[in-house]
Protein backbone atom coordinates (compact mmCIF):
# COMPACT_ATOMS: atom_id res chain seq x y z
CA MET A 1 104.49 89.32 101.81
CA LYS A 2 107.86 88.36 103.62
CA ALA A 3 110.00 90.48 106.46
CA GLY A 4 111.92 93.11 105.07
CA ASP A 5 108.82 94.15 102.45
CA ARG A 6 108.38 97.57 102.01
CA ILE A 7 104.75 98.09 102.84
CA LYS A 8 101.70 101.03 102.65
CA ILE A 9 99.28 101.26 105.74
CA PHE A 10 96.10 102.38 105.18
CA SER A 11 94.43 104.62 107.79
CA ALA A 12 91.22 103.63 109.09
CA ARG A 13 89.63 107.36 109.59
CA ASP A 14 90.61 108.47 105.57
CA ASN A 15 92.64 108.21 102.59
CA SER A 16 95.92 108.51 103.61
CA TYR A 17 98.87 106.13 105.01
CA THR A 18 101.52 105.59 106.22
CA VAL A 19 104.92 103.59 104.96
CA GLY A 20 106.68 100.66 106.85
CA THR A 21 108.37 97.63 107.05
CA VAL A 22 107.34 94.09 107.52
CA VAL A 23 108.50 92.32 110.47
CA GLU A 24 106.56 89.40 111.02
CA VAL A 25 103.86 88.20 108.97
CA ASP A 26 100.41 85.67 110.76
CA ASP A 27 97.38 84.52 109.38
CA GLU A 28 95.45 87.41 110.08
CA THR A 29 98.22 90.21 110.70
CA VAL A 30 101.31 92.41 110.03
CA LYS A 31 103.82 93.36 112.27
CA TYR A 32 105.39 96.28 110.89
CA LYS A 33 108.37 99.19 111.95
CA ASN A 34 106.71 102.52 111.40
CA ASP A 35 109.45 104.76 109.43
CA GLU A 36 107.63 107.67 110.83
CA ILE A 37 107.25 106.69 114.70
CA LYS A 38 110.41 104.39 115.34
CA GLY A 39 108.03 102.16 116.84
CA HIS A 40 106.58 98.28 115.99
CA PHE A 41 103.06 97.75 115.03
CA ILE A 42 100.42 95.07 114.69
CA VAL A 43 97.48 95.81 112.26
CA LEU A 44 95.15 93.33 110.26
CA LYS A 45 96.49 92.57 106.43
CA THR A 46 92.84 94.06 104.89
CA GLN A 47 94.93 97.36 105.91
CA VAL A 48 97.98 96.33 104.31
CA ALA A 49 96.87 97.23 100.86
CA LEU A 50 100.35 97.37 98.49
CA LEU A 51 103.64 96.23 98.67
CA PHE A 52 105.58 100.14 98.58
CA CYS A 53 108.28 100.97 95.59
CA ASP A 54 111.42 101.64 96.47
CA SER A 55 112.38 102.80 93.19
CA CYS A 56 110.16 105.49 92.22
CA GLY A 57 107.70 105.18 94.98
CA CYS A 58 104.85 103.98 92.99
CA ASP A 59 102.69 101.12 93.53
CA PRO A 60 103.87 98.04 92.22
CA CYS A 61 101.10 97.23 90.61
CA ASP A 62 101.35 100.47 88.39
CA CYS A 63 105.53 100.29 87.79
CA HIS A 64 107.56 97.61 86.20
CA TRP A 65 110.27 98.31 88.66
CA GLY A 66 108.13 97.30 92.22
CA THR A 67 109.41 94.68 94.55
CA TYR A 68 106.68 92.26 94.32
């Protein structure tokens, strides 16, 4: 994972997620720009599950077009 990658950030409360763009990666955290709220947030890497596929919106593990 690197700056500029599109990611899914899973909620700690339910099965929902938001989509954002990685700004900075540290040892245990990821700083990302939220597309919906227009702000920067820092979360644990454990909350960032998969990179987001810009081509079709799927999980890159299931798609050959993923940006991984």
